[in-house]
Amino acid sequence: MEYGLQLGSDPAVMKQRPGEVMGYLAYGHPFLDGNGRTIMVVRAVMAERASISIDWSATDKSDYLAALTKEIDRPGRCHLDAYLKPFVRDAVGEPWRAAEWVKVPGLDGGQGGENKILGKVNEPAIQEAYREHQLERSRSADGARDTERGGR
């Protein structure tokens, strides 16, 4: 998360690699239940400081999530940058941004379908899901490092 914030704080980096920055923020995001709105706000502020915005209304949620998953699995490989570049626009004002976000499927705060809340963080089943998610992330990161070193 800190590395993503550091990258995103540099307007030149944010302009060139908005997807990589988003990938690091998403990787460090502590929630599994789809509550990514806070990250979207942070990312939008960094993008605005870099004089860019993303036209989220033109994106496809499934394609975006597929690119984001690849970016999280293999950071710095430009998966999300490649997806987002066609949707990069000049910066927009805050009132427009807020109005557009509520139109983006999955960011409207709805609880239906895949955006449902899984439960309270103090519930044993939810705690186990978080632990399993962290283990899977560790396994993926270890495998990626081994591959880069010429292993497996």
N, C-alpha and C. Protein backbone atom coordinates (compact mmCIF):
# COMPACT_ATOMS: atom_id res chain seq x y z
N MET A 1 0.84 -1.18 0.00
CA MET A 1 0.00 0.00 0.00
C MET A 1 0.88 1.24 0.00
N GLU A 2 1.91 1.26 0.88
CA GLU A 2 2.78 2.43 0.95
C GLU A 2 3.48 2.69 -0.38
N TYR A 3 3.92 1.62 -1.03
CA TYR A 3 4.61 1.79 -2.32
C TYR A 3 3.65 2.37 -3.36
N GLY A 4 2.41 1.90 -3.38
CA GLY A 4 1.42 2.44 -4.31
C GLY A 4 1.14 3.91 -4.05
N LEU A 5 1.06 4.28 -2.78
CA LEU A 5 0.85 5.69 -2.44
C LEU A 5 2.05 6.54 -2.84
N GLN A 6 3.24 5.98 -2.65
CA GLN A 6 4.46 6.70 -3.05
C GLN A 6 4.48 6.91 -4.56
N LEU A 7 4.20 5.85 -5.33
CA LEU A 7 4.17 5.99 -6.79
C LEU A 7 3.11 6.99 -7.23
N GLY A 8 1.91 6.86 -6.66
CA GLY A 8 0.81 7.72 -7.05
C GLY A 8 0.98 9.17 -6.66
N SER A 9 1.87 9.44 -5.72
CA SER A 9 2.13 10.82 -5.30
C SER A 9 2.98 11.58 -6.31
N ASP A 10 3.60 10.87 -7.22
CA ASP A 10 4.41 11.50 -8.27
C ASP A 10 3.52 11.65 -9.51
N PRO A 11 3.13 12.88 -9.87
CA PRO A 11 2.22 13.06 -11.01
C PRO A 11 2.71 12.43 -12.30
N ALA A 12 4.01 12.45 -12.55
CA ALA A 12 4.54 11.86 -13.79
C ALA A 12 4.33 10.34 -13.79
N VAL A 13 4.57 9.71 -12.66
CA VAL A 13 4.37 8.25 -12.56
C VAL A 13 2.88 7.93 -12.69
N MET A 14 2.06 8.71 -12.01
CA MET A 14 0.61 8.47 -12.06
C MET A 14 0.08 8.58 -13.48
N LYS A 15 0.59 9.53 -14.25
CA LYS A 15 0.17 9.66 -15.65
C LYS A 15 0.61 8.46 -16.49
N GLN A 16 1.83 8.00 -16.26
CA GLN A 16 2.38 6.91 -17.07
C GLN A 16 1.88 5.53 -16.64
N ARG A 17 1.63 5.34 -15.32
CA ARG A 17 1.32 4.00 -14.82
C ARG A 17 0.14 4.00 -13.83
N PRO A 18 -1.02 4.53 -14.26
CA PRO A 18 -2.15 4.58 -13.33
C PRO A 18 -2.64 3.19 -12.91
N GLY A 19 -2.50 2.22 -13.78
CA GLY A 19 -2.93 0.86 -13.45
C GLY A 19 -2.03 0.19 -12.43
N GLU A 20 -0.74 0.42 -12.57
CA GLU A 20 0.20 -0.15 -11.60
C GLU A 20 -0.07 0.42 -10.21
N VAL A 21 -0.29 1.73 -10.14
CA VAL A 21 -0.60 2.36 -8.86
C VAL A 21 -1.87 1.74 -8.29
N MET A 22 -2.91 1.61 -9.10
CA MET A 22 -4.17 1.02 -8.65
C MET A 22 -3.95 -0.41 -8.18
N GLY A 23 -3.10 -1.15 -8.87
CA GLY A 23 -2.82 -2.54 -8.48
C GLY A 23 -2.20 -2.64 -7.10
N TYR A 24 -1.25 -1.78 -6.80
CA TYR A 24 -0.63 -1.79 -5.48
C TYR A 24 -1.64 -1.40 -4.39
N LEU A 25 -2.48 -0.41 -4.69
CA LEU A 25 -3.50 -0.01 -3.71
C LEU A 25 -4.48 -1.15 -3.47
N ALA A 26 -4.90 -1.80 -4.54
CA ALA A 26 -5.84 -2.91 -4.40
C ALA A 26 -5.22 -4.08 -3.64
N TYR A 27 -3.96 -4.35 -3.91
CA TYR A 27 -3.28 -5.44 -3.21
C TYR A 27 -3.24 -5.19 -1.71
N GLY A 28 -3.02 -3.94 -1.33
CA GLY A 28 -2.94 -3.60 0.08
C GLY A 28 -4.28 -3.37 0.74
N HIS A 29 -5.36 -3.42 -0.03
CA HIS A 29 -6.70 -3.17 0.49
C HIS A 29 -7.11 -4.28 1.44
N PRO A 30 -7.55 -3.93 2.64
CA PRO A 30 -7.80 -4.96 3.65
C PRO A 30 -9.16 -5.64 3.57
N PHE A 31 -10.02 -5.30 2.63
CA PHE A 31 -11.36 -5.86 2.62
C PHE A 31 -11.56 -6.84 1.47
N LEU A 32 -12.25 -7.95 1.75
CA LEU A 32 -12.58 -8.91 0.70
C LEU A 32 -13.99 -8.72 0.19
N ASP A 33 -14.79 -7.90 0.84
CA ASP A 33 -16.21 -7.83 0.55
C ASP A 33 -16.59 -6.82 -0.52
N GLY A 34 -15.65 -6.39 -1.33
CA GLY A 34 -15.97 -5.49 -2.43
C GLY A 34 -15.99 -4.02 -2.05
N ASN A 35 -15.59 -3.68 -0.85
CA ASN A 35 -15.63 -2.29 -0.41
C ASN A 35 -14.38 -1.56 -0.87
N GLY A 36 -14.30 -1.29 -2.15
CA GLY A 36 -13.13 -0.62 -2.72
C GLY A 36 -13.33 0.87 -2.98
N ARG A 37 -14.44 1.43 -2.50
CA ARG A 37 -14.72 2.83 -2.78
C ARG A 37 -13.66 3.76 -2.21
N THR A 38 -13.12 3.44 -1.05
CA THR A 38 -12.09 4.29 -0.45
C THR A 38 -10.87 4.35 -1.35
N ILE A 39 -10.47 3.21 -1.88
CA ILE A 39 -9.32 3.18 -2.80
C ILE A 39 -9.62 3.99 -4.05
N MET A 40 -10.84 3.92 -4.53
CA MET A 40 -11.19 4.70 -5.72
C MET A 40 -11.07 6.20 -5.44
N VAL A 41 -11.43 6.63 -4.26
CA VAL A 41 -11.31 8.04 -3.91
C VAL A 41 -9.84 8.44 -3.85
N VAL A 42 -9.02 7.64 -3.17
CA VAL A 42 -7.59 7.93 -3.06
C VAL A 42 -6.96 7.96 -4.45
N ARG A 43 -7.27 6.97 -5.27
CA ARG A 43 -6.72 6.90 -6.62
C ARG A 43 -7.17 8.10 -7.45
N ALA A 44 -8.43 8.50 -7.30
CA ALA A 44 -8.95 9.63 -8.06
C ALA A 44 -8.26 10.94 -7.67
N VAL A 45 -7.99 11.12 -6.40
CA VAL A 45 -7.30 12.33 -5.95
C VAL A 45 -5.88 12.35 -6.53
N MET A 46 -5.19 11.22 -6.50
CA MET A 46 -3.84 11.16 -7.07
C MET A 46 -3.88 11.42 -8.57
N ALA A 47 -4.89 10.86 -9.25
CA ALA A 47 -5.02 11.08 -10.69
C ALA A 47 -5.29 12.56 -10.98
N GLU A 48 -6.16 13.16 -10.19
CA GLU A 48 -6.47 14.57 -10.41
C GLU A 48 -5.22 15.43 -10.22
N ARG A 49 -4.41 15.10 -9.24
CA ARG A 49 -3.16 15.84 -9.03
C ARG A 49 -2.22 15.67 -10.22
N ALA A 50 -2.37 14.57 -10.94
CA ALA A 50 -1.57 14.34 -12.14
C ALA A 50 -2.28 14.86 -13.40
N SER A 51 -3.40 15.54 -13.21
CA SER A 51 -4.20 16.13 -14.30
C SER A 51 -4.82 15.09 -15.22
N ILE A 52 -5.14 13.92 -14.68
CA ILE A 52 -5.83 12.90 -15.47
C ILE A 52 -7.04 12.39 -14.69
N SER A 53 -7.89 11.66 -15.39
CA SER A 53 -9.00 10.95 -14.78
C SER A 53 -9.21 9.67 -15.59
N ILE A 54 -9.99 8.77 -15.06
CA ILE A 54 -10.37 7.55 -15.78
C ILE A 54 -11.86 7.65 -16.05
N ASP A 55 -12.25 7.41 -17.28
CA ASP A 55 -13.66 7.41 -17.64
C ASP A 55 -14.23 6.04 -17.29
N TRP A 56 -14.59 5.87 -16.03
CA TRP A 56 -15.07 4.57 -15.54
C TRP A 56 -16.36 4.15 -16.20
N SER A 57 -17.18 5.11 -16.62
CA SER A 57 -18.45 4.75 -17.25
C SER A 57 -18.24 4.04 -18.58
N ALA A 58 -17.07 4.19 -19.19
CA ALA A 58 -16.77 3.53 -20.46
C ALA A 58 -16.10 2.16 -20.28
N THR A 59 -15.75 1.82 -19.04
CA THR A 59 -15.07 0.55 -18.79
C THR A 59 -16.06 -0.58 -18.62
N ASP A 60 -15.57 -1.79 -18.70
CA ASP A 60 -16.37 -2.99 -18.46
C ASP A 60 -15.88 -3.60 -17.15
N LYS A 61 -16.79 -3.80 -16.21
CA LYS A 61 -16.40 -4.27 -14.88
C LYS A 61 -15.66 -5.61 -14.94
N SER A 62 -16.14 -6.55 -15.72
CA SER A 62 -15.48 -7.87 -15.80
C SER A 62 -14.07 -7.75 -16.37
N ASP A 63 -13.93 -6.97 -17.43
CA ASP A 63 -12.61 -6.78 -18.04
C ASP A 63 -11.66 -6.06 -17.08
N TYR A 64 -12.20 -5.04 -16.40
CA TYR A 64 -11.39 -4.31 -15.41
C TYR A 64 -10.92 -5.25 -14.30
N LEU A 65 -11.83 -6.03 -13.76
CA LEU A 65 -11.46 -6.93 -12.66
C LEU A 65 -10.47 -8.00 -13.11
N ALA A 66 -10.60 -8.46 -14.35
CA ALA A 66 -9.63 -9.44 -14.88
C ALA A 66 -8.24 -8.81 -14.97
N ALA A 67 -8.18 -7.58 -15.48
CA ALA A 67 -6.88 -6.89 -15.58
C ALA A 67 -6.33 -6.58 -14.19
N LEU A 68 -7.19 -6.19 -13.27
CA LEU A 68 -6.76 -5.90 -11.90
C LEU A 68 -6.22 -7.16 -11.23
N THR A 69 -6.88 -8.28 -11.44
CA THR A 69 -6.40 -9.54 -10.86
C THR A 69 -5.02 -9.89 -11.38
N LYS A 70 -4.80 -9.73 -12.68
CA LYS A 70 -3.47 -9.98 -13.25
C LYS A 70 -2.43 -9.03 -12.66
N GLU A 71 -2.82 -7.77 -12.49
CA GLU A 71 -1.90 -6.77 -11.93
C GLU A 71 -1.53 -7.12 -10.49
N ILE A 72 -2.51 -7.53 -9.71
CA ILE A 72 -2.25 -7.90 -8.32
C ILE A 72 -1.36 -9.14 -8.26
N ASP A 73 -1.61 -10.10 -9.14
CA ASP A 73 -0.80 -11.33 -9.16
C ASP A 73 0.63 -11.07 -9.61
N ARG A 74 0.81 -10.15 -10.56
CA ARG A 74 2.13 -9.85 -11.11
C ARG A 74 2.31 -8.34 -11.23
N PRO A 75 2.54 -7.64 -10.11
CA PRO A 75 2.66 -6.18 -10.14
C PRO A 75 3.76 -5.70 -11.08
N GLY A 76 3.51 -4.55 -11.70
CA GLY A 76 4.52 -3.93 -12.54
C GLY A 76 4.62 -4.51 -13.94
N ARG A 77 3.70 -5.40 -14.32
CA ARG A 77 3.74 -6.01 -15.65
C ARG A 77 2.81 -5.30 -16.64
N CYS A 78 2.23 -4.18 -16.23
CA CYS A 78 1.42 -3.30 -17.09
C CYS A 78 0.07 -3.89 -17.51
N HIS A 79 -0.42 -4.91 -16.83
CA HIS A 79 -1.72 -5.48 -17.20
C HIS A 79 -2.82 -4.43 -17.07
N LEU A 80 -2.87 -3.78 -15.93
CA LEU A 80 -3.93 -2.79 -15.70
C LEU A 80 -3.66 -1.49 -16.44
N ASP A 81 -2.39 -1.14 -16.62
CA ASP A 81 -2.08 0.04 -17.43
C ASP A 81 -2.60 -0.14 -18.85
N ALA A 82 -2.37 -1.30 -19.42
CA ALA A 82 -2.83 -1.56 -20.79
C ALA A 82 -4.35 -1.47 -20.89
N TYR A 83 -5.05 -1.96 -19.87
CA TYR A 83 -6.50 -1.89 -19.89
C TYR A 83 -7.00 -0.45 -19.73
N LEU A 84 -6.42 0.29 -18.79
CA LEU A 84 -6.93 1.63 -18.46
C LEU A 84 -6.56 2.72 -19.46
N LYS A 85 -5.44 2.58 -20.18
CA LYS A 85 -4.97 3.67 -21.05
C LYS A 85 -6.03 4.20 -22.02
N PRO A 86 -6.86 3.36 -22.64
CA PRO A 86 -7.89 3.93 -23.54
C PRO A 86 -8.94 4.78 -22.82
N PHE A 87 -9.01 4.67 -21.50
CA PHE A 87 -10.03 5.39 -20.74
C PHE A 87 -9.46 6.59 -19.97
N VAL A 88 -8.18 6.88 -20.17
CA VAL A 88 -7.56 8.02 -19.50
C VAL A 88 -8.01 9.30 -20.21
N ARG A 89 -8.45 10.25 -19.41
CA ARG A 89 -8.92 11.54 -19.91
C ARG A 89 -8.23 12.65 -19.13
N ASP A 90 -8.45 13.88 -19.57
CA ASP A 90 -7.99 15.02 -18.77
C ASP A 90 -8.77 15.02 -17.46
N ALA A 91 -8.18 15.62 -16.44
CA ALA A 91 -8.81 15.67 -15.12
C ALA A 91 -10.19 16.32 -15.21
N VAL A 92 -11.09 15.84 -14.36
CA VAL A 92 -12.44 16.42 -14.27
C VAL A 92 -12.63 16.96 -12.86
N GLY A 93 -13.59 17.83 -12.71
CA GLY A 93 -13.85 18.42 -11.40
C GLY A 93 -14.52 17.44 -10.45
N GLU A 94 -14.42 17.72 -9.20
CA GLU A 94 -14.96 16.85 -8.16
C GLU A 94 -16.47 16.59 -8.29
N PRO A 95 -17.31 17.60 -8.54
CA PRO A 95 -18.76 17.31 -8.63
C PRO A 95 -19.08 16.30 -9.73
N TRP A 96 -18.44 16.40 -10.87
CA TRP A 96 -18.68 15.45 -11.96
C TRP A 96 -18.26 14.05 -11.53
N ARG A 97 -17.11 13.95 -10.88
CA ARG A 97 -16.58 12.65 -10.47
C ARG A 97 -17.56 11.94 -9.55
N ALA A 98 -18.07 12.63 -8.56
CA ALA A 98 -19.00 12.01 -7.62
C ALA A 98 -20.27 11.53 -8.34
N ALA A 99 -20.78 12.34 -9.25
CA ALA A 99 -21.98 11.97 -9.99
C ALA A 99 -21.74 10.75 -10.87
N GLU A 100 -20.58 10.65 -11.47
CA GLU A 100 -20.28 9.52 -12.34
C GLU A 100 -20.06 8.23 -11.55
N TRP A 101 -19.45 8.30 -10.39
CA TRP A 101 -19.17 7.10 -9.61
C TRP A 101 -20.42 6.33 -9.24
N VAL A 102 -21.48 7.05 -8.91
CA VAL A 102 -22.69 6.33 -8.51
C VAL A 102 -23.33 5.60 -9.68
N LYS A 103 -22.92 5.90 -10.90
CA LYS A 103 -23.43 5.21 -12.09
C LYS A 103 -22.65 3.94 -12.41
N VAL A 104 -21.45 3.80 -11.87
CA VAL A 104 -20.59 2.68 -12.21
C VAL A 104 -21.07 1.43 -11.47
N PRO A 105 -21.44 0.37 -12.22
CA PRO A 105 -21.88 -0.85 -11.55
C PRO A 105 -20.81 -1.37 -10.59
N GLY A 106 -21.24 -1.71 -9.40
CA GLY A 106 -20.31 -2.23 -8.41
C GLY A 106 -19.81 -1.16 -7.46
N LEU A 107 -19.92 0.11 -7.83
CA LEU A 107 -19.50 1.19 -6.95
C LEU A 107 -20.69 1.97 -6.43
N ASP A 108 -21.88 1.48 -6.72
CA ASP A 108 -23.08 2.21 -6.33
C ASP A 108 -23.52 1.90 -4.90
N GLY A 109 -22.77 1.05 -4.20
CA GLY A 109 -23.11 0.73 -2.82
C GLY A 109 -24.18 -0.32 -2.68
N GLY A 110 -24.67 -0.85 -3.79
CA GLY A 110 -25.71 -1.88 -3.74
C GLY A 110 -25.20 -3.16 -3.09
N GLN A 111 -26.10 -3.92 -2.52
CA GLN A 111 -25.71 -5.15 -1.83
C GLN A 111 -26.08 -6.40 -2.62
N GLY A 112 -26.56 -6.25 -3.82
CA GLY A 112 -26.97 -7.41 -4.59
C GLY A 112 -25.81 -8.10 -5.27
N GLY A 113 -26.05 -9.32 -5.71
CA GLY A 113 -25.09 -10.07 -6.51
C GLY A 113 -23.73 -10.19 -5.87
N GLU A 114 -22.69 -9.94 -6.65
CA GLU A 114 -21.32 -10.13 -6.17
C GLU A 114 -20.87 -9.04 -5.20
N ASN A 115 -21.66 -8.00 -5.01
CA ASN A 115 -21.28 -6.90 -4.12
C ASN A 115 -21.84 -7.06 -2.72
N LYS A 116 -22.39 -8.22 -2.40
CA LYS A 116 -22.98 -8.38 -1.08
C LYS A 116 -21.91 -8.37 0.01
N ILE A 117 -22.31 -7.96 1.19
CA ILE A 117 -21.41 -7.95 2.34
C ILE A 117 -21.35 -9.37 2.87
N LEU A 118 -20.17 -9.86 3.09
CA LEU A 118 -19.99 -11.24 3.51
C LEU A 118 -20.35 -11.46 4.98
N GLY A 119 -20.17 -10.47 5.79
CA GLY A 119 -20.45 -10.61 7.22
C GLY A 119 -19.62 -9.63 8.01
N LYS A 120 -19.69 -9.76 9.32
CA LYS A 120 -18.92 -8.89 10.21
C LYS A 120 -17.53 -9.46 10.41
N VAL A 121 -16.56 -8.57 10.52
CA VAL A 121 -15.17 -8.98 10.60
C VAL A 121 -14.87 -9.83 11.84
N ASN A 122 -15.69 -9.74 12.88
CA ASN A 122 -15.43 -10.54 14.08
C ASN A 122 -16.07 -11.92 14.03
N GLU A 123 -16.76 -12.26 12.94
CA GLU A 123 -17.36 -13.59 12.79
C GLU A 123 -16.27 -14.59 12.41
N PRO A 124 -16.25 -15.77 13.05
CA PRO A 124 -15.21 -16.77 12.77
C PRO A 124 -15.09 -17.14 11.28
N ALA A 125 -16.20 -17.28 10.61
CA ALA A 125 -16.14 -17.66 9.18
C ALA A 125 -15.47 -16.56 8.35
N ILE A 126 -15.75 -15.31 8.68
CA ILE A 126 -15.14 -14.20 7.95
C ILE A 126 -13.65 -14.12 8.26
N GLN A 127 -13.28 -14.30 9.52
CA GLN A 127 -11.87 -14.30 9.91
C GLN A 127 -11.13 -15.41 9.18
N GLU A 128 -11.74 -16.57 9.05
CA GLU A 128 -11.11 -17.68 8.33
C GLU A 128 -10.95 -17.34 6.85
N ALA A 129 -11.95 -16.69 6.26
CA ALA A 129 -11.85 -16.29 4.85
C ALA A 129 -10.69 -15.32 4.65
N TYR A 130 -10.51 -14.38 5.56
CA TYR A 130 -9.39 -13.44 5.48
C TYR A 130 -8.06 -14.19 5.59
N ARG A 131 -7.96 -15.12 6.55
CA ARG A 131 -6.71 -15.89 6.70
C ARG A 131 -6.40 -16.69 5.44
N GLU A 132 -7.42 -17.33 4.88
CA GLU A 132 -7.23 -18.12 3.66
C GLU A 132 -6.80 -17.23 2.49
N HIS A 133 -7.40 -16.05 2.41
CA HIS A 133 -7.04 -15.10 1.36
C HIS A 133 -5.58 -14.68 1.51
N GLN A 134 -5.14 -14.38 2.72
CA GLN A 134 -3.75 -14.00 2.96
C GLN A 134 -2.79 -15.14 2.61
N LEU A 135 -3.15 -16.36 2.96
CA LEU A 135 -2.31 -17.52 2.61
C LEU A 135 -2.18 -17.65 1.10
N GLU A 136 -3.29 -17.49 0.40
CA GLU A 136 -3.27 -17.59 -1.06
C GLU A 136 -2.40 -16.49 -1.66
N ARG A 137 -2.49 -15.28 -1.13
CA ARG A 137 -1.65 -14.19 -1.61
C ARG A 137 -0.18 -14.50 -1.38
N SER A 138 0.13 -15.05 -0.22
CA SER A 138 1.52 -15.40 0.08
C SER A 138 2.03 -16.47 -0.87
N ARG A 139 1.20 -17.48 -1.11
CA ARG A 139 1.59 -18.55 -2.06
C ARG A 139 1.82 -17.97 -3.45
N SER A 140 0.92 -17.09 -3.90
CA SER A 140 1.06 -16.48 -5.23
C SER A 140 2.33 -15.65 -5.31
N ALA A 141 2.60 -14.86 -4.27
CA ALA A 141 3.80 -14.02 -4.26
C ALA A 141 5.06 -14.87 -4.24
N ASP A 142 5.06 -15.94 -3.45
CA ASP A 142 6.22 -16.83 -3.39
C ASP A 142 6.45 -17.50 -4.74
N GLY A 143 5.37 -17.94 -5.39
CA GLY A 143 5.50 -18.57 -6.70
C GLY A 143 6.02 -17.61 -7.75
N ALA A 144 5.57 -16.36 -7.70
CA ALA A 144 6.04 -15.35 -8.66
C ALA A 144 7.52 -15.07 -8.45
N ARG A 145 7.95 -14.98 -7.20
CA ARG A 145 9.37 -14.74 -6.93
C ARG A 145 10.21 -15.92 -7.41
N ASP A 146 9.74 -17.15 -7.17
CA ASP A 146 10.48 -18.33 -7.63
C ASP A 146 10.59 -18.35 -9.15
N THR A 147 9.52 -18.00 -9.83
CA THR A 147 9.52 -17.98 -11.29
C THR A 147 10.51 -16.95 -11.81
N GLU A 148 10.51 -15.76 -11.20
CA GLU A 148 11.42 -14.70 -11.64
C GLU A 148 12.87 -15.08 -11.40
N ARG A 149 13.13 -15.91 -10.41
CA ARG A 149 14.50 -16.35 -10.12
C ARG A 149 14.92 -17.53 -11.00
N GLY A 150 14.01 -18.01 -11.83
CA GLY A 150 14.35 -19.13 -12.69
C GLY A 150 13.96 -20.47 -12.11
N GLY A 151 13.22 -20.45 -11.03
CA GLY A 151 12.77 -21.68 -10.39
C GLY A 151 11.58 -22.24 -11.13
N ARG A 152 10.70 -22.89 -10.42
CA ARG A 152 9.50 -23.55 -10.94
C ARG A 152 9.06 -23.04 -12.25
